[in-house]
Amino acid sequence: MLAAAAALALGACSARDQGSSSNSNTGSAAAPSQAANAANPAGDGKAVCSGVSLAYAGTINGSSAALGQNILRGADLAVKQHNQANPGCQVTLKQFDTQGKPDQAPGIVTQVISEADIIGVVGLPFSGESKAAGNLFNQAGLVTISPSATNPGLANNGWKTFFRGMGNDAVQGPAAAKFLTDTLKASKVCVIEDDSEYGTGLAAQVTQALGAKATCSDKVKTGQTDFSAVVNKISTESPDAIFYAGYYPEAGPFAQQLNDKGVTAKFVGPDGVKDPEFVKGAGAGANNAYFTCPCVPEDNFKDFTAAFKQVEGADPGTYSPEGYDVTTIMLKGIDSGIKDRAGLLNYVKNYDGQGLTKHFKWDAKGELSDTPVWSYRVENGKIVNNGQIS
């Protein structure tokens, strides 16, 4: 099965699709096609290495585990494709579960750092855990590329080892506001935030970008299940749209309770909500839901999607392609002959190349210059591409 999947993934890029892959892509732009020069984890098959490992550090279990599992599977696919194509360079991908909790992340990260064969890390996925443990990576000189931690402040801590594989919330926030007002034509928006580092930061960005059109706000807590007070407030305010800054475990029942109350405002969630688990939790409330995400739809990455399904036994999800891309970059560094942490850190810092999802080149703070933001919506119980916002 692995051989068949790798063959699919290593097929000629000339066979890539152009434009929309299905009639579900009815947004402002078709999903991107795979670039002919997109980095391939297989390389030239001639790499030689020994005793080097990469790590995934982040949630594998826990309340928002699906988002981390998406990334882990993308990283796992890249490593398996690399190892199959390069018998002389077998890289190990080690897995460390933080459960996405800021209070657990430092201890887990200390374990990662203690294993000397680990020279690069995919993660951490969430902003709160990244804030809590990023300095430990920095002190150890161990490069990390997060495919999903979006809080802008993470890049302002002076960490030399922190890199981000997508746009931050200073990019997503204004894009979300543009989507709410220009595409959904909302003139009254309620911004609801959870108590996470991610939720509070994103809500602030969206509220600022909306200006006078942010007409109401409220807060919820991680783990909350009864949203009646917030729902009643929103019902009274009669907004055109609701933006929920948080994660899918709370967003699902919140959207369901809004629907049960008869609130007809469009529901918009960010990348932390964009998951099939939200659709399950929201029930009929998902029918009116949209999402913004600095993640790229994989609609036209046919080889990647086929290989992902074959090897990982699941469909790719939010940030799976980004996880694949950032792992590929580290594998390319290893294939170039790098054997230690300092070498891989320098390689990533100076990297300049095309991936599946975007062009990767970082500034001094670990931020990308290419930071697309896309919209998605629920259609027939599935999350589909709704077009690029910015």
Foldseek 3Di string as FASTA:
>chain_A
DLVVLLCLLPDQLVPFDDFAPDPLQAAPGGFDIFDRFAFALQPPLAFADPLAEAEEEEACDADLNVQSVLLVLLLVLSLSSNCVSHVRDRYYYYYFHQNRDLVSLQVRVVVVLVRFRHQEYEDDAEQSNCVSHVVVCQVSLRAYEYAHHAQPCSLVPPRLRYAYLFHHLLVQQLLVLCCVCVVLVWQAEEEEFEDGSQRVRNSVSNPVNNDVNDPHYYYDYVPDQDPVVVLVVCVVVLTQAYEYRDALSRLQNVLQVNVVVVRPHAYEYELRNFDLSSLVSNPVSQQRYKYKYLWGDCSRSVSSQSSSCVVVVDGNGRSSQSSNSVSSQLSVQVSVPDRGNNSSSVSLQQDFQHHRTGTDHADSSNYGPDHWMFMWGADPSHIDGNGTRD
